[in-house]
Amino acid sequence: MAKKVLFVCKHNLFRSQIAEGFFKKMNKNKNYSATSAGIIRWDKKDLLGDGDYKIEKKPSKKFGIGLGKKSRGLSASILKDTDILVIVADDVSPAIFRDEKSFNGRIIVWKTRDVKAKDKNKELVALKSIKYIREKVEEFVKRLK
């Protein structure tokens, strides 16, 4: 059975979806599959008027990664089935998962910046985050055995 990789960020709207998308494009090892989730699930209605989401969407398309309008939230059953949890965020603590009874896998942390309201050039922040995630996924996929 394939080992399961879970990419996690705060809302599963940008960073973890980008990581999952790159992983699915780059990974040739059939012994690993991936999905993504956020610690706080958002619905489509939560995105109404969210300018940051629209800004994140634009550069992600340049890399061939489409962002969904619905986030996937974490649950104990998702964590229980996860072998490798990759935190793709600078605002999600690994301590949450180390003490979680339903999770026994390995934790990797990629401190990835999210687009913040105070950022002057949000598209540049999003673009830098996408490039950083792509590099981290490339390294990660190369190490899978």
N, C-alpha and C. Protein backbone atom coordinates (compact mmCIF):
# COMPACT_ATOMS: atom_id res chain seq x y z
N MET A 1 0.83 -1.18 0.00
CA MET A 1 0.00 0.00 0.00
C MET A 1 0.89 1.26 0.00
N ALA A 2 0.46 2.26 -0.75
CA ALA A 2 1.24 3.49 -0.88
C ALA A 2 1.31 4.25 0.43
N LYS A 3 2.47 4.83 0.70
CA LYS A 3 2.61 5.70 1.87
C LYS A 3 1.93 7.02 1.56
N LYS A 4 1.30 7.59 2.57
CA LYS A 4 0.53 8.82 2.37
C LYS A 4 1.26 10.03 2.92
N VAL A 5 1.38 11.03 2.04
CA VAL A 5 1.98 12.31 2.39
C VAL A 5 0.83 13.31 2.51
N LEU A 6 0.87 14.09 3.58
CA LEU A 6 -0.15 15.11 3.79
C LEU A 6 0.55 16.46 3.91
N PHE A 7 0.21 17.38 3.00
CA PHE A 7 0.71 18.74 3.06
C PHE A 7 -0.30 19.59 3.81
N VAL A 8 0.17 20.31 4.83
CA VAL A 8 -0.72 21.07 5.71
C VAL A 8 -0.28 22.53 5.78
N CYS A 9 -1.28 23.41 5.72
CA CYS A 9 -1.04 24.83 6.02
C CYS A 9 -2.24 25.31 6.85
N LYS A 10 -2.37 26.58 7.01
CA LYS A 10 -3.40 27.10 7.89
C LYS A 10 -4.83 26.86 7.37
N HIS A 11 -5.07 27.17 6.08
CA HIS A 11 -6.43 27.08 5.56
C HIS A 11 -6.61 26.12 4.38
N ASN A 12 -5.55 25.57 3.84
CA ASN A 12 -5.61 24.71 2.65
C ASN A 12 -6.22 25.45 1.46
N LEU A 13 -5.80 26.69 1.30
CA LEU A 13 -6.26 27.47 0.15
C LEU A 13 -5.11 27.82 -0.80
N PHE A 14 -3.89 27.82 -0.30
CA PHE A 14 -2.77 28.23 -1.15
C PHE A 14 -1.57 27.30 -0.97
N ARG A 15 -0.84 27.44 0.12
CA ARG A 15 0.45 26.78 0.27
C ARG A 15 0.37 25.25 0.18
N SER A 16 -0.51 24.64 0.95
CA SER A 16 -0.60 23.18 0.93
C SER A 16 -1.14 22.66 -0.41
N GLN A 17 -2.05 23.41 -1.04
CA GLN A 17 -2.54 23.00 -2.36
C GLN A 17 -1.45 23.10 -3.41
N ILE A 18 -0.61 24.13 -3.31
CA ILE A 18 0.52 24.28 -4.24
C ILE A 18 1.47 23.09 -4.07
N ALA A 19 1.80 22.75 -2.83
CA ALA A 19 2.70 21.63 -2.57
C ALA A 19 2.12 20.32 -3.11
N GLU A 20 0.83 20.09 -2.86
CA GLU A 20 0.18 18.88 -3.37
C GLU A 20 0.24 18.85 -4.90
N GLY A 21 -0.05 19.97 -5.54
CA GLY A 21 -0.02 20.04 -7.00
C GLY A 21 1.35 19.74 -7.57
N PHE A 22 2.38 20.35 -7.01
CA PHE A 22 3.75 20.08 -7.48
C PHE A 22 4.13 18.63 -7.23
N PHE A 23 3.76 18.10 -6.06
CA PHE A 23 4.08 16.70 -5.75
C PHE A 23 3.46 15.78 -6.79
N LYS A 24 2.20 16.00 -7.11
CA LYS A 24 1.51 15.13 -8.07
C LYS A 24 2.12 15.24 -9.47
N LYS A 25 2.66 16.39 -9.81
CA LYS A 25 3.32 16.56 -11.11
C LYS A 25 4.71 15.92 -11.14
N MET A 26 5.44 16.00 -10.03
CA MET A 26 6.84 15.58 -10.00
C MET A 26 7.06 14.14 -9.55
N ASN A 27 6.21 13.64 -8.70
CA ASN A 27 6.43 12.32 -8.11
C ASN A 27 6.17 11.20 -9.11
N LYS A 28 7.15 10.36 -9.30
CA LYS A 28 7.02 9.19 -10.18
C LYS A 28 7.02 7.90 -9.36
N ASN A 29 7.19 8.02 -8.05
CA ASN A 29 7.26 6.87 -7.16
C ASN A 29 5.84 6.46 -6.76
N LYS A 30 5.38 5.36 -7.29
CA LYS A 30 4.01 4.87 -7.04
C LYS A 30 3.80 4.42 -5.59
N ASN A 31 4.88 4.35 -4.82
CA ASN A 31 4.77 3.96 -3.41
C ASN A 31 4.33 5.11 -2.52
N TYR A 32 4.14 6.29 -3.12
CA TYR A 32 3.73 7.48 -2.36
C TYR A 32 2.58 8.19 -3.06
N SER A 33 1.61 8.59 -2.26
CA SER A 33 0.51 9.42 -2.76
C SER A 33 0.39 10.63 -1.83
N ALA A 34 -0.27 11.69 -2.31
CA ALA A 34 -0.34 12.90 -1.50
C ALA A 34 -1.71 13.56 -1.57
N THR A 35 -1.99 14.28 -0.52
CA THR A 35 -3.18 15.13 -0.45
C THR A 35 -2.79 16.34 0.41
N SER A 36 -3.75 17.22 0.62
CA SER A 36 -3.47 18.40 1.44
C SER A 36 -4.67 18.74 2.30
N ALA A 37 -4.41 19.51 3.34
CA ALA A 37 -5.48 19.93 4.27
C ALA A 37 -5.02 21.17 5.02
N GLY A 38 -5.98 21.80 5.67
CA GLY A 38 -5.68 22.96 6.49
C GLY A 38 -6.18 22.75 7.91
N ILE A 39 -5.56 23.41 8.87
CA ILE A 39 -6.03 23.25 10.24
C ILE A 39 -7.35 24.00 10.47
N ILE A 40 -7.63 24.99 9.61
CA ILE A 40 -8.91 25.71 9.65
C ILE A 40 -9.53 25.61 8.26
N ARG A 41 -10.64 24.93 8.14
CA ARG A 41 -11.30 24.72 6.84
C ARG A 41 -12.13 25.94 6.46
N TRP A 42 -11.98 26.37 5.21
CA TRP A 42 -12.78 27.48 4.68
C TRP A 42 -13.71 26.95 3.60
N ASP A 43 -14.87 27.57 3.50
CA ASP A 43 -15.82 27.28 2.44
C ASP A 43 -15.77 28.38 1.40
N LYS A 44 -16.41 28.14 0.28
CA LYS A 44 -16.45 29.11 -0.81
C LYS A 44 -16.96 30.47 -0.34
N LYS A 45 -17.96 30.47 0.52
CA LYS A 45 -18.53 31.73 1.01
C LYS A 45 -17.53 32.52 1.85
N ASP A 46 -16.60 31.83 2.49
CA ASP A 46 -15.57 32.50 3.28
C ASP A 46 -14.59 33.28 2.39
N LEU A 47 -14.54 32.90 1.11
CA LEU A 47 -13.61 33.54 0.18
C LEU A 47 -14.17 34.78 -0.50
N LEU A 48 -15.46 35.01 -0.35
CA LEU A 48 -16.07 36.17 -0.98
C LEU A 48 -15.39 37.44 -0.50
N GLY A 49 -14.90 38.21 -1.42
CA GLY A 49 -14.22 39.46 -1.07
C GLY A 49 -12.80 39.29 -0.56
N ASP A 50 -12.26 38.07 -0.56
CA ASP A 50 -10.89 37.84 -0.10
C ASP A 50 -9.93 38.15 -1.24
N GLY A 51 -9.37 39.33 -1.24
CA GLY A 51 -8.44 39.76 -2.28
C GLY A 51 -7.15 38.97 -2.31
N ASP A 52 -6.68 38.52 -1.15
CA ASP A 52 -5.44 37.75 -1.09
C ASP A 52 -5.57 36.44 -1.87
N TYR A 53 -6.72 35.78 -1.75
CA TYR A 53 -6.93 34.52 -2.46
C TYR A 53 -6.85 34.75 -3.97
N LYS A 54 -7.44 35.82 -4.45
CA LYS A 54 -7.39 36.12 -5.89
C LYS A 54 -5.96 36.39 -6.33
N ILE A 55 -5.19 37.06 -5.49
CA ILE A 55 -3.79 37.36 -5.82
C ILE A 55 -2.95 36.08 -5.83
N GLU A 56 -3.22 35.15 -4.93
CA GLU A 56 -2.48 33.89 -4.87
C GLU A 56 -2.79 33.01 -6.07
N LYS A 57 -4.02 33.10 -6.54
CA LYS A 57 -4.48 32.27 -7.65
C LYS A 57 -3.75 32.58 -8.96
N LYS A 58 -3.50 33.86 -9.20
CA LYS A 58 -2.90 34.30 -10.47
C LYS A 58 -1.52 33.67 -10.73
N PRO A 59 -0.54 33.82 -9.82
CA PRO A 59 0.76 33.21 -10.11
C PRO A 59 0.75 31.68 -10.07
N SER A 60 -0.17 31.09 -9.31
CA SER A 60 -0.22 29.62 -9.27
C SER A 60 -0.57 29.05 -10.64
N LYS A 61 -1.41 29.76 -11.39
CA LYS A 61 -1.78 29.31 -12.75
C LYS A 61 -0.56 29.30 -13.67
N LYS A 62 0.36 30.24 -13.46
CA LYS A 62 1.58 30.31 -14.28
C LYS A 62 2.40 29.04 -14.14
N PHE A 63 2.28 28.37 -13.00
CA PHE A 63 3.02 27.14 -12.74
C PHE A 63 2.18 25.90 -13.01
N GLY A 64 0.99 26.10 -13.55
CA GLY A 64 0.11 24.98 -13.88
C GLY A 64 -0.57 24.34 -12.69
N ILE A 65 -0.70 25.08 -11.61
CA ILE A 65 -1.35 24.57 -10.40
C ILE A 65 -2.65 25.36 -10.21
N GLY A 66 -3.76 24.67 -10.26
CA GLY A 66 -5.04 25.32 -10.01
C GLY A 66 -5.40 25.23 -8.54
N LEU A 67 -5.88 26.33 -8.00
CA LEU A 67 -6.30 26.34 -6.60
C LEU A 67 -7.81 26.14 -6.53
N GLY A 68 -8.24 25.20 -5.70
CA GLY A 68 -9.65 24.96 -5.51
C GLY A 68 -10.26 26.01 -4.60
N LYS A 69 -11.56 26.18 -4.71
CA LYS A 69 -12.25 27.18 -3.88
C LYS A 69 -12.75 26.60 -2.57
N LYS A 70 -12.48 25.34 -2.35
CA LYS A 70 -12.93 24.70 -1.11
C LYS A 70 -11.71 24.08 -0.44
N SER A 71 -11.56 24.38 0.82
CA SER A 71 -10.42 23.80 1.53
C SER A 71 -10.84 22.51 2.22
N ARG A 72 -9.85 21.67 2.45
CA ARG A 72 -10.07 20.41 3.16
C ARG A 72 -9.56 20.61 4.57
N GLY A 73 -10.39 20.31 5.54
CA GLY A 73 -9.98 20.44 6.93
C GLY A 73 -9.38 19.15 7.46
N LEU A 74 -8.56 19.28 8.47
CA LEU A 74 -7.94 18.11 9.11
C LEU A 74 -8.94 17.37 9.97
N SER A 75 -8.69 16.09 10.11
CA SER A 75 -9.48 15.27 11.03
C SER A 75 -8.56 14.18 11.58
N ALA A 76 -9.01 13.55 12.63
CA ALA A 76 -8.22 12.47 13.23
C ALA A 76 -8.03 11.32 12.23
N SER A 77 -9.05 11.02 11.44
CA SER A 77 -8.94 9.92 10.48
C SER A 77 -7.93 10.23 9.37
N ILE A 78 -7.87 11.49 8.93
CA ILE A 78 -6.86 11.87 7.94
C ILE A 78 -5.46 11.72 8.54
N LEU A 79 -5.29 12.21 9.76
CA LEU A 79 -3.97 12.11 10.41
C LEU A 79 -3.57 10.66 10.66
N LYS A 80 -4.53 9.84 11.02
CA LYS A 80 -4.25 8.43 11.31
C LYS A 80 -3.68 7.72 10.08
N ASP A 81 -4.14 8.13 8.90
CA ASP A 81 -3.70 7.50 7.65
C ASP A 81 -2.45 8.14 7.05
N THR A 82 -1.89 9.14 7.72
CA THR A 82 -0.75 9.88 7.19
C THR A 82 0.57 9.30 7.68
N ASP A 83 1.47 9.05 6.72
CA ASP A 83 2.81 8.56 7.06
C ASP A 83 3.80 9.72 7.20
N ILE A 84 3.69 10.70 6.31
CA ILE A 84 4.58 11.86 6.34
C ILE A 84 3.73 13.12 6.28
N LEU A 85 3.84 13.94 7.29
CA LEU A 85 3.11 15.20 7.35
C LEU A 85 4.10 16.33 7.06
N VAL A 86 3.81 17.11 6.03
CA VAL A 86 4.68 18.21 5.67
C VAL A 86 3.94 19.51 5.95
N ILE A 87 4.43 20.26 6.91
CA ILE A 87 3.83 21.56 7.24
C ILE A 87 4.45 22.58 6.28
N VAL A 88 3.59 23.17 5.45
CA VAL A 88 4.03 24.12 4.43
C VAL A 88 3.59 25.51 4.89
N ALA A 89 4.05 25.91 6.06
CA ALA A 89 3.56 27.15 6.66
C ALA A 89 4.52 27.63 7.74
N ASP A 90 4.55 28.95 7.89
CA ASP A 90 5.31 29.54 8.98
C ASP A 90 4.41 29.90 10.15
N ASP A 91 3.12 29.58 10.01
CA ASP A 91 2.15 29.92 11.06
C ASP A 91 1.38 28.71 11.58
N VAL A 92 1.96 27.51 11.41
CA VAL A 92 1.37 26.27 11.94
C VAL A 92 2.47 25.55 12.73
N SER A 93 2.22 25.32 13.99
CA SER A 93 3.23 24.70 14.86
C SER A 93 3.23 23.18 14.75
N PRO A 94 4.40 22.56 14.62
CA PRO A 94 4.46 21.10 14.61
C PRO A 94 4.04 20.48 15.94
N ALA A 95 4.06 21.27 17.01
CA ALA A 95 3.65 20.75 18.33
C ALA A 95 2.21 20.25 18.32
N ILE A 96 1.38 20.84 17.49
CA ILE A 96 -0.03 20.40 17.38
C ILE A 96 -0.09 18.92 17.05
N PHE A 97 0.80 18.48 16.18
CA PHE A 97 0.76 17.10 15.68
C PHE A 97 1.58 16.13 16.51
N ARG A 98 2.62 16.64 17.17
CA ARG A 98 3.46 15.74 17.99
C ARG A 98 2.68 15.16 19.16
N ASP A 99 1.73 15.90 19.67
CA ASP A 99 0.95 15.43 20.81
C ASP A 99 -0.37 14.79 20.41
N GLU A 100 -0.65 14.74 19.12
CA GLU A 100 -1.92 14.19 18.65
C GLU A 100 -1.88 12.66 18.66
N LYS A 101 -2.81 12.05 19.39
CA LYS A 101 -2.85 10.59 19.53
C LYS A 101 -3.09 9.87 18.22
N SER A 102 -3.82 10.52 17.29
CA SER A 102 -4.18 9.85 16.04
C SER A 102 -3.05 9.87 15.00
N PHE A 103 -1.95 10.55 15.31
CA PHE A 103 -0.86 10.68 14.34
C PHE A 103 0.41 10.03 14.83
N ASN A 104 0.98 9.13 14.02
CA ASN A 104 2.23 8.46 14.38
C ASN A 104 3.32 8.64 13.33
N GLY A 105 3.07 9.48 12.35
CA GLY A 105 4.01 9.63 11.23
C GLY A 105 5.14 10.59 11.51
N ARG A 106 5.89 10.84 10.47
CA ARG A 106 7.03 11.75 10.49
C ARG A 106 6.56 13.16 10.15
N ILE A 107 7.18 14.16 10.76
CA ILE A 107 6.83 15.56 10.50
C ILE A 107 8.01 16.28 9.86
N ILE A 108 7.71 16.99 8.78
CA ILE A 108 8.69 17.83 8.09
C ILE A 108 8.10 19.24 8.10
N VAL A 109 8.94 20.24 8.34
CA VAL A 109 8.46 21.63 8.36
C VAL A 109 9.17 22.45 7.29
N TRP A 110 8.38 23.05 6.41
CA TRP A 110 8.89 24.01 5.44
C TRP A 110 8.28 25.35 5.81
N LYS A 111 9.04 26.20 6.44
CA LYS A 111 8.52 27.51 6.88
C LYS A 111 8.22 28.38 5.67
N THR A 112 6.98 28.33 5.24
CA THR A 112 6.55 29.01 4.02
C THR A 112 5.63 30.16 4.36
N ARG A 113 5.98 31.32 3.86
CA ARG A 113 5.22 32.54 4.12
C ARG A 113 3.90 32.55 3.37
N ASP A 114 2.88 33.05 4.00
CA ASP A 114 1.58 33.25 3.37
C ASP A 114 1.46 34.72 2.97
N VAL A 115 0.56 35.01 2.08
CA VAL A 115 0.29 36.40 1.73
C VAL A 115 -0.49 37.02 2.87
N LYS A 116 0.04 38.10 3.40
CA LYS A 116 -0.59 38.77 4.54
C LYS A 116 -1.23 40.09 4.10
N ALA A 117 -2.19 40.54 4.84
CA ALA A 117 -2.89 41.79 4.52
C ALA A 117 -1.94 42.98 4.44
N LYS A 118 -0.90 42.97 5.27
CA LYS A 118 0.03 44.11 5.33
C LYS A 118 1.06 44.12 4.20
N ASP A 119 1.18 43.03 3.45
CA ASP A 119 2.16 42.96 2.38
C ASP A 119 1.84 43.97 1.28
N LYS A 120 2.86 44.73 0.89
CA LYS A 120 2.66 45.75 -0.15
C LYS A 120 2.55 45.10 -1.53
N ASN A 121 3.45 44.16 -1.85
CA ASN A 121 3.42 43.49 -3.14
C ASN A 121 3.02 42.03 -2.92
N LYS A 122 1.73 41.81 -2.80
CA LYS A 122 1.21 40.48 -2.47
C LYS A 122 1.52 39.44 -3.54
N GLU A 123 1.45 39.85 -4.80
CA GLU A 123 1.73 38.90 -5.87
C GLU A 123 3.18 38.42 -5.82
N LEU A 124 4.11 39.31 -5.48
CA LEU A 124 5.52 38.93 -5.35
C LEU A 124 5.71 37.96 -4.19
N VAL A 125 5.04 38.19 -3.07
CA VAL A 125 5.11 37.27 -1.93
C VAL A 125 4.58 35.90 -2.34
N ALA A 126 3.45 35.87 -3.06
CA ALA A 126 2.88 34.61 -3.51
C ALA A 126 3.84 33.89 -4.46
N LEU A 127 4.42 34.63 -5.39
CA LEU A 127 5.34 34.05 -6.35
C LEU A 127 6.57 33.46 -5.66
N LYS A 128 7.13 34.18 -4.69
CA LYS A 128 8.29 33.66 -3.94
C LYS A 128 7.92 32.40 -3.17
N SER A 129 6.72 32.38 -2.59
CA SER A 129 6.29 31.19 -1.85
C SER A 129 6.13 30.00 -2.78
N ILE A 130 5.57 30.22 -3.96
CA ILE A 130 5.39 29.14 -4.93
C ILE A 130 6.74 28.58 -5.35
N LYS A 131 7.69 29.45 -5.65
CA LYS A 131 9.03 29.00 -6.06
C LYS A 131 9.72 28.23 -4.94
N TYR A 132 9.57 28.71 -3.70
CA TYR A 132 10.15 28.02 -2.55
C TYR A 132 9.53 26.62 -2.40
N ILE A 133 8.21 26.54 -2.50
CA ILE A 133 7.53 25.25 -2.37
C ILE A 133 7.96 24.31 -3.48
N ARG A 134 8.06 24.81 -4.70
CA ARG A 134 8.50 23.97 -5.83
C ARG A 134 9.88 23.37 -5.54
N GLU A 135 10.82 24.19 -5.06
CA GLU A 135 12.16 23.70 -4.73
C GLU A 135 12.12 22.64 -3.64
N LYS A 136 11.31 22.88 -2.60
CA LYS A 136 11.22 21.92 -1.49
C LYS A 136 10.60 20.61 -1.96
N VAL A 137 9.59 20.67 -2.82
CA VAL A 137 8.97 19.45 -3.34
C VAL A 137 9.95 18.69 -4.21
N GLU A 138 10.72 19.40 -5.05
CA GLU A 138 11.73 18.74 -5.89
C GLU A 138 12.72 17.96 -5.02
N GLU A 139 13.22 18.59 -3.97
CA GLU A 139 14.17 17.93 -3.06
C GLU A 139 13.51 16.73 -2.38
N PHE A 140 12.28 16.93 -1.92
CA PHE A 140 11.53 15.88 -1.21
C PHE A 140 11.32 14.66 -2.11
N VAL A 141 10.87 14.88 -3.33
CA VAL A 141 10.58 13.79 -4.26
C VAL A 141 11.85 13.02 -4.59
N LYS A 142 12.98 13.69 -4.72
CA LYS A 142 14.24 13.03 -5.02
C LYS A 142 14.66 12.06 -3.91
N ARG A 143 14.27 12.37 -2.68
CA ARG A 143 14.68 11.55 -1.52
C ARG A 143 13.74 10.37 -1.23
N LEU A 144 12.60 10.31 -1.90
CA LEU A 144 11.65 9.23 -1.62
C LEU A 144 12.21 7.90 -2.11
N LYS A 145 12.07 6.87 -1.25
CA LYS A 145 12.56 5.53 -1.59
C LYS A 145 11.47 4.53 -1.46
